[in-house]
Structures are given as C-alpha cells and as structure tokens.
C-alpha cells in the first residue's frame, strides 16, 4: 500500500525552481543546492521528490524529445539523452511540460543555450539519492513507480538525417542549426 505523498507536485517544482534560480544556470551548482535543500527535509519527503523526478524523467523518454535533444546538442547518445532529460526537469515546469508536449517548442521556451554547458543535468538525477543517503546512511529504496519503458514512446526518427530533423523540428533547426 502506497502512503499518501508528503510532497505534492507544486512543492516539487518550487524546490526545482528555487535551487535553479540560486545556481544561476550552472547545472552542477544546481545539483549541489538541490541536495542541500533536500537534506533539510525528512527522508519520506526526499523519496517523494525522487518519485516526482523519476516519473517526469520516464515521461520524457520519447523519440521526439530525443530528436530535439539531438538538434540542441548536435548529437545525443543514450547517456546524453538521459542527462538531457534530467536537465530539462531542472529547467522548471513550464519548460519541461512545454518540451514534452511539443519538443520543437523548446526553440521559444529556452533562453540562451550553449551546447557545451547546457543540456547536461546528470548530477540532478542523483540529487535525491544523495540527499537520502546523507539523511539515513542507507541507499534509497525502490520508489515503487513503473520503470522506464524499454523503448522511447512514439515513432523512431533517423537522427543522422538532417533533412528529417529540420522538417520535424523547424523552429529548433532554424534557431540552433541553420
């Protein structure tokens, strides 16, 4: 039986937003501040935060979003796409939801974007685990949410074909690759 969540979605996004704003766009600093904020909570709240994060991370596992990441990053391996999804969550609710709903809309949702420093939120993906371990001395238990699908949702794209990417993501292509 699942317990009622201690943290709701609004609180989840408030924590993401406050720590991102304090980090001034630095993803590693964002992750450090997120851990610092999470260790101020009780372990159950940290696990709730992890559930919110992981469910969004899994929801962002789509071919279209991977294609958008490919355009933004000028290529995106499996790992790079994983880290991109963490980074996208770190950009806050509006950017995340808009990007998942219509990946090409990221052309308008993102401010300055430097593929050398943006788009990689690997450390954000570990923040809740790190905070839980600091609080309890133990590894976080299974979160009790469905695992990521074996394959991304949607129709696969030929990432190597620039014409396909330019047609599928015209706004991103015009802004970041043209």
C-alpha atoms as a PDB file:
ATOM      1  CA  UNK A   1       0.000   0.000   0.000  1.00  0.00           C
ATOM      2  CA  UNK A   2       1.381   3.395  -1.033  1.00  0.00           C
ATOM      3  CA  UNK A   3       1.342   6.072   1.615  1.00  0.00           C
ATOM      4  CA  UNK A   4      -0.135   9.440   0.795  1.00  0.00           C
ATOM      5  CA  UNK A   5       2.615  11.598  -0.650  1.00  0.00           C
ATOM      6  CA  UNK A   6       4.270  14.035   1.710  1.00  0.00           C
ATOM      7  CA  UNK A   7       5.250  16.339  -1.170  1.00  0.00           C
ATOM      8  CA  UNK A   8       2.869  17.497  -3.861  1.00  0.00           C
ATOM      9  CA  UNK A   9       3.736  18.479  -7.426  1.00  0.00           C
ATOM     10  CA  UNK A  10       3.695  22.213  -6.684  1.00  0.00           C
ATOM     11  CA  UNK A  11       6.237  21.807  -3.884  1.00  0.00           C
ATOM     12  CA  UNK A  12       8.404  19.634  -6.147  1.00  0.00           C
ATOM     13  CA  UNK A  13       8.545  22.354  -8.816  1.00  0.00           C
ATOM     14  CA  UNK A  14       9.110  25.102  -6.210  1.00  0.00           C
ATOM     15  CA  UNK A  15      12.200  23.265  -4.946  1.00  0.00           C
ATOM     16  CA  UNK A  16      13.466  22.778  -8.512  1.00  0.00           C
ATOM     17  CA  UNK A  17      12.862  26.447  -9.367  1.00  0.00           C
ATOM     18  CA  UNK A  18      14.398  27.924  -6.218  1.00  0.00           C
ATOM     19  CA  UNK A  19      17.556  25.847  -6.443  1.00  0.00           C
ATOM     20  CA  UNK A  20      17.911  26.506 -10.212  1.00  0.00           C
ATOM     21  CA  UNK A  21      17.499  30.259  -9.725  1.00  0.00           C
ATOM     22  CA  UNK A  22      20.078  30.255  -6.919  1.00  0.00           C
ATOM     23  CA  UNK A  23      22.514  28.332  -9.143  1.00  0.00           C
ATOM     24  CA  UNK A  24      22.216  30.942 -11.905  1.00  0.00           C
ATOM     25  CA  UNK A  25      22.097  28.367 -14.697  1.00  0.00           C
ATOM     26  CA  UNK A  26      25.038  26.225 -13.532  1.00  0.00           C
ATOM     27  CA  UNK A  27      23.788  22.614 -13.618  1.00  0.00           C
ATOM     28  CA  UNK A  28      26.415  21.259 -11.192  1.00  0.00           C
ATOM     29  CA  UNK A  29      25.743  24.074  -8.725  1.00  0.00           C
ATOM     30  CA  UNK A  30      22.018  23.420  -9.174  1.00  0.00           C
ATOM     31  CA  UNK A  31      22.539  19.784  -8.179  1.00  0.00           C
ATOM     32  CA  UNK A  32      24.593  20.776  -5.114  1.00  0.00           C
ATOM     33  CA  UNK A  33      21.964  23.287  -3.988  1.00  0.00           C
ATOM     34  CA  UNK A  34      19.233  20.726  -4.587  1.00  0.00           C
ATOM     35  CA  UNK A  35      20.988  18.220  -2.316  1.00  0.00           C
ATOM     36  CA  UNK A  36      21.456  20.945   0.324  1.00  0.00           C
ATOM     37  CA  UNK A  37      17.734  21.760   0.134  1.00  0.00           C
ATOM     38  CA  UNK A  38      16.601  18.134   0.203  1.00  0.00           C
ATOM     39  CA  UNK A  39      18.651  17.230   3.290  1.00  0.00           C
ATOM     40  CA  UNK A  40      16.555  19.808   5.157  1.00  0.00           C
ATOM     41  CA  UNK A  41      13.527  17.559   4.599  1.00  0.00           C
ATOM     42  CA  UNK A  42      12.597  14.253   6.196  1.00  0.00           C
ATOM     43  CA  UNK A  43      13.522  11.032   4.324  1.00  0.00           C
ATOM     44  CA  UNK A  44       9.932  10.382   3.182  1.00  0.00           C
ATOM     45  CA  UNK A  45       9.766  13.820   1.569  1.00  0.00           C
ATOM     46  CA  UNK A  46      13.060  13.162  -0.205  1.00  0.00           C
ATOM     47  CA  UNK A  47      11.635   9.900  -1.559  1.00  0.00           C
ATOM     48  CA  UNK A  48       8.525  11.780  -2.731  1.00  0.00           C
ATOM     49  CA  UNK A  49      10.774  14.277  -4.503  1.00  0.00           C
ATOM     50  CA  UNK A  50      12.591  11.335  -6.114  1.00  0.00           C
ATOM     51  CA  UNK A  51       9.270   9.852  -7.267  1.00  0.00           C
ATOM     52  CA  UNK A  52       8.219  13.170  -8.831  1.00  0.00           C
ATOM     53  CA  UNK A  53      11.606  13.473 -10.547  1.00  0.00           C
ATOM     54  CA  UNK A  54      11.712   9.877 -11.785  1.00  0.00           C
ATOM     55  CA  UNK A  55       8.148   9.905 -13.118  1.00  0.00           C
ATOM     56  CA  UNK A  56       8.904  13.035 -15.153  1.00  0.00           C
ATOM     57  CA  UNK A  57      12.200  11.577 -16.304  1.00  0.00           C
ATOM     58  CA  UNK A  58      10.345   8.487 -17.560  1.00  0.00           C
ATOM     59  CA  UNK A  59       7.618  10.591 -19.179  1.00  0.00           C
ATOM     60  CA  UNK A  60      10.264  12.463 -21.175  1.00  0.00           C
ATOM     61  CA  UNK A  61      11.501   9.222 -22.757  1.00  0.00           C
ATOM     62  CA  UNK A  62      10.133   9.914 -26.238  1.00  0.00           C
ATOM     63  CA  UNK A  63      11.649   9.753 -29.707  1.00  0.00           C
ATOM     64  CA  UNK A  64      10.564  13.323 -30.441  1.00  0.00           C
ATOM     65  CA  UNK A  65      12.238  14.725 -27.349  1.00  0.00           C
ATOM     66  CA  UNK A  66      15.371  12.720 -28.161  1.00  0.00           C
ATOM     67  CA  UNK A  67      15.311  14.271 -31.638  1.00  0.00           C
ATOM     68  CA  UNK A  68      15.034  17.734 -30.122  1.00  0.00           C
ATOM     69  CA  UNK A  69      17.965  16.967 -27.821  1.00  0.00           C
ATOM     70  CA  UNK A  70      19.908  15.758 -30.875  1.00  0.00           C
ATOM     71  CA  UNK A  71      19.334  19.099 -32.601  1.00  0.00           C
ATOM     72  CA  UNK A  72      20.145  21.160 -29.498  1.00  0.00           C
ATOM     73  CA  UNK A  73      23.268  19.195 -28.590  1.00  0.00           C
ATOM     74  CA  UNK A  74      24.397  18.443 -32.155  1.00  0.00           C
ATOM     75  CA  UNK A  75      24.047  14.749 -31.388  1.00  0.00           C
ATOM     76  CA  UNK A  76      22.824  12.858 -28.322  1.00  0.00           C
ATOM     77  CA  UNK A  77      23.904   9.372 -27.285  1.00  0.00           C
ATOM     78  CA  UNK A  78      21.784   7.281 -24.910  1.00  0.00           C
ATOM     79  CA  UNK A  79      23.635   8.755 -21.927  1.00  0.00           C
ATOM     80  CA  UNK A  80      23.487  12.303 -23.290  1.00  0.00           C
ATOM     81  CA  UNK A  81      19.710  11.961 -23.719  1.00  0.00           C
ATOM     82  CA  UNK A  82      19.388  10.642 -20.155  1.00  0.00           C
ATOM     83  CA  UNK A  83      21.300  13.669 -18.850  1.00  0.00           C
ATOM     84  CA  UNK A  84      19.302  15.982 -21.118  1.00  0.00           C
ATOM     85  CA  UNK A  85      16.048  14.745 -19.569  1.00  0.00           C
ATOM     86  CA  UNK A  86      17.424  15.476 -16.084  1.00  0.00           C
ATOM     87  CA  UNK A  87      18.485  18.934 -17.261  1.00  0.00           C
ATOM     88  CA  UNK A  88      15.055  19.545 -18.799  1.00  0.00           C
ATOM     89  CA  UNK A  89      13.362  18.776 -15.469  1.00  0.00           C
ATOM     90  CA  UNK A  90      15.792  21.203 -13.870  1.00  0.00           C
ATOM     91  CA  UNK A  91      14.554  23.971 -16.189  1.00  0.00           C
ATOM     92  CA  UNK A  92      11.221  24.005 -14.382  1.00  0.00           C
ATOM     93  CA  UNK A  93       7.636  23.100 -15.019  1.00  0.00           C
ATOM     94  CA  UNK A  94       6.880  25.412 -17.964  1.00  0.00           C
ATOM     95  CA  UNK A  95       9.946  24.401 -19.993  1.00  0.00           C
ATOM     96  CA  UNK A  96       9.612  20.730 -19.076  1.00  0.00           C
ATOM     97  CA  UNK A  97       5.894  20.426 -19.822  1.00  0.00           C
ATOM     98  CA  UNK A  98       6.172  22.522 -22.976  1.00  0.00           C
ATOM     99  CA  UNK A  99       9.123  20.492 -24.222  1.00  0.00           C
ATOM    100  CA  UNK A 100       7.475  17.141 -23.523  1.00  0.00           C
ATOM    101  CA  UNK A 101       4.205  18.267 -25.146  1.00  0.00           C
ATOM    102  CA  UNK A 102       5.904  19.781 -28.236  1.00  0.00           C
ATOM    103  CA  UNK A 103       9.696  19.355 -28.350  1.00  0.00           C
ATOM    104  CA  UNK A 104      10.021  21.905 -31.188  1.00  0.00           C
ATOM    105  CA  UNK A 105       8.512  24.500 -28.804  1.00  0.00           C
ATOM    106  CA  UNK A 106      11.818  24.412 -26.899  1.00  0.00           C
ATOM    107  CA  UNK A 107      13.043  26.878 -29.532  1.00  0.00           C
ATOM    108  CA  UNK A 108      10.841  29.500 -27.845  1.00  0.00           C
ATOM    109  CA  UNK A 109      10.972  28.179 -24.272  1.00  0.00           C
ATOM    110  CA  UNK A 110      14.760  28.161 -23.912  1.00  0.00           C
ATOM    111  CA  UNK A 111      16.727  31.338 -23.404  1.00  0.00           C
ATOM    112  CA  UNK A 112      20.403  31.279 -24.229  1.00  0.00           C
ATOM    113  CA  UNK A 113      21.551  27.726 -24.899  1.00  0.00           C
ATOM    114  CA  UNK A 114      25.178  26.686 -25.208  1.00  0.00           C
ATOM    115  CA  UNK A 115      25.524  23.028 -26.178  1.00  0.00           C
ATOM    116  CA  UNK A 116      28.898  22.922 -24.406  1.00  0.00           C
ATOM    117  CA  UNK A 117      27.440  23.725 -20.975  1.00  0.00           C
ATOM    118  CA  UNK A 118      23.649  23.387 -21.238  1.00  0.00           C
ATOM    119  CA  UNK A 119      21.582  20.269 -21.672  1.00  0.00           C
ATOM    120  CA  UNK A 120      23.529  18.076 -19.235  1.00  0.00           C
ATOM    121  CA  UNK A 121      21.858  17.606 -15.864  1.00  0.00           C
ATOM    122  CA  UNK A 122      23.451  14.289 -14.932  1.00  0.00           C
ATOM    123  CA  UNK A 123      24.084  15.362 -11.338  1.00  0.00           C
ATOM    124  CA  UNK A 124      20.460  16.486 -10.914  1.00  0.00           C
ATOM    125  CA  UNK A 125      19.428  12.888 -11.476  1.00  0.00           C
ATOM    126  CA  UNK A 126      21.403  11.794  -8.413  1.00  0.00           C
ATOM    127  CA  UNK A 127      20.446  14.638  -6.041  1.00  0.00           C
ATOM    128  CA  UNK A 128      17.562  12.883  -4.257  1.00  0.00           C
ATOM    129  CA  UNK A 129      19.559   9.661  -3.844  1.00  0.00           C
ATOM    130  CA  UNK A 130      22.492  11.594  -2.427  1.00  0.00           C
ATOM    131  CA  UNK A 131      20.265  13.547  -0.027  1.00  0.00           C
ATOM    132  CA  UNK A 132      18.515  10.370   1.155  1.00  0.00           C
ATOM    133  CA  UNK A 133      21.845   8.681   1.785  1.00  0.00           C
ATOM    134  CA  UNK A 134      23.118  11.702   3.739  1.00  0.00           C
ATOM    135  CA  UNK A 135      19.958  11.712   5.867  1.00  0.00           C
ATOM    136  CA  UNK A 136      19.704   7.985   6.554  1.00  0.00           C
ATOM    137  CA  UNK A 137      23.095   6.433   5.850  1.00  0.00           C
ATOM    138  CA  UNK A 138      21.270   3.983   3.568  1.00  0.00           C
ATOM    139  CA  UNK A 139      20.680   3.667  -0.150  1.00  0.00           C
ATOM    140  CA  UNK A 140      17.225   4.868  -1.224  1.00  0.00           C
ATOM    141  CA  UNK A 141      14.714   2.022  -1.531  1.00  0.00           C
ATOM    142  CA  UNK A 142      12.801   1.185  -4.693  1.00  0.00           C
ATOM    143  CA  UNK A 143      10.447   4.081  -5.394  1.00  0.00           C
ATOM    144  CA  UNK A 144       7.504   1.870  -6.263  1.00  0.00           C
ATOM    145  CA  UNK A 145       6.817   3.560  -9.594  1.00  0.00           C
ATOM    146  CA  UNK A 146       6.774   1.928 -13.030  1.00  0.00           C
ATOM    147  CA  UNK A 147      10.149   1.517 -14.695  1.00  0.00           C
ATOM    148  CA  UNK A 148      11.063   3.439 -17.818  1.00  0.00           C
ATOM    149  CA  UNK A 149       9.774   1.781 -20.994  1.00  0.00           C
ATOM    150  CA  UNK A 150      12.225  -0.382 -22.926  1.00  0.00           C
ATOM    151  CA  UNK A 151      11.915   1.903 -25.958  1.00  0.00           C
ATOM    152  CA  UNK A 152      11.102   5.608 -26.213  1.00  0.00           C
ATOM    153  CA  UNK A 153       7.451   6.469 -26.836  1.00  0.00           C
ATOM    154  CA  UNK A 154       6.422   7.451 -30.356  1.00  0.00           C
ATOM    155  CA  UNK A 155       7.873   6.785 -33.789  1.00  0.00           C
ATOM    156  CA  UNK A 156      11.656   6.432 -34.155  1.00  0.00           C
ATOM    157  CA  UNK A 157      13.478   9.177 -36.052  1.00  0.00           C
ATOM    158  CA  UNK A 158      16.592   8.964 -38.205  1.00  0.00           C
ATOM    159  CA  UNK A 159      18.800  11.258 -36.143  1.00  0.00           C
ATOM    160  CA  UNK A 160      21.585  11.068 -38.738  1.00  0.00           C
ATOM    161  CA  UNK A 161      19.323  12.579 -41.439  1.00  0.00           C
ATOM    162  CA  UNK A 162      19.475  16.362 -41.145  1.00  0.00           C
ATOM    163  CA  UNK A 163      16.547  16.824 -43.549  1.00  0.00           C
ATOM    164  CA  UNK A 164      14.334  14.672 -41.295  1.00  0.00           C
ATOM    165  CA  UNK A 165      15.376  16.661 -38.218  1.00  0.00           C
ATOM    166  CA  UNK A 166      14.932  20.027 -39.957  1.00  0.00           C
ATOM    167  CA  UNK A 167      11.439  19.008 -41.101  1.00  0.00           C
ATOM    168  CA  UNK A 168      10.345  17.562 -37.732  1.00  0.00           C
ATOM    169  CA  UNK A 169      11.839  20.421 -35.640  1.00  0.00           C
ATOM    170  CA  UNK A 170      11.750  23.501 -37.912  1.00  0.00           C
ATOM    171  CA  UNK A 171      11.925  26.103 -35.112  1.00  0.00           C
ATOM    172  CA  UNK A 172      14.750  24.343 -33.262  1.00  0.00           C
ATOM    173  CA  UNK A 173      16.598  23.745 -36.515  1.00  0.00           C
ATOM    174  CA  UNK A 174      16.269  27.384 -37.588  1.00  0.00           C
ATOM    175  CA  UNK A 175      17.429  28.702 -34.230  1.00  0.00           C
ATOM    176  CA  UNK A 176      20.220  26.248 -33.392  1.00  0.00           C
ATOM    177  CA  UNK A 177      21.462  24.622 -36.605  1.00  0.00           C
ATOM    178  CA  UNK A 178      20.645  26.788 -39.629  1.00  0.00           C
END
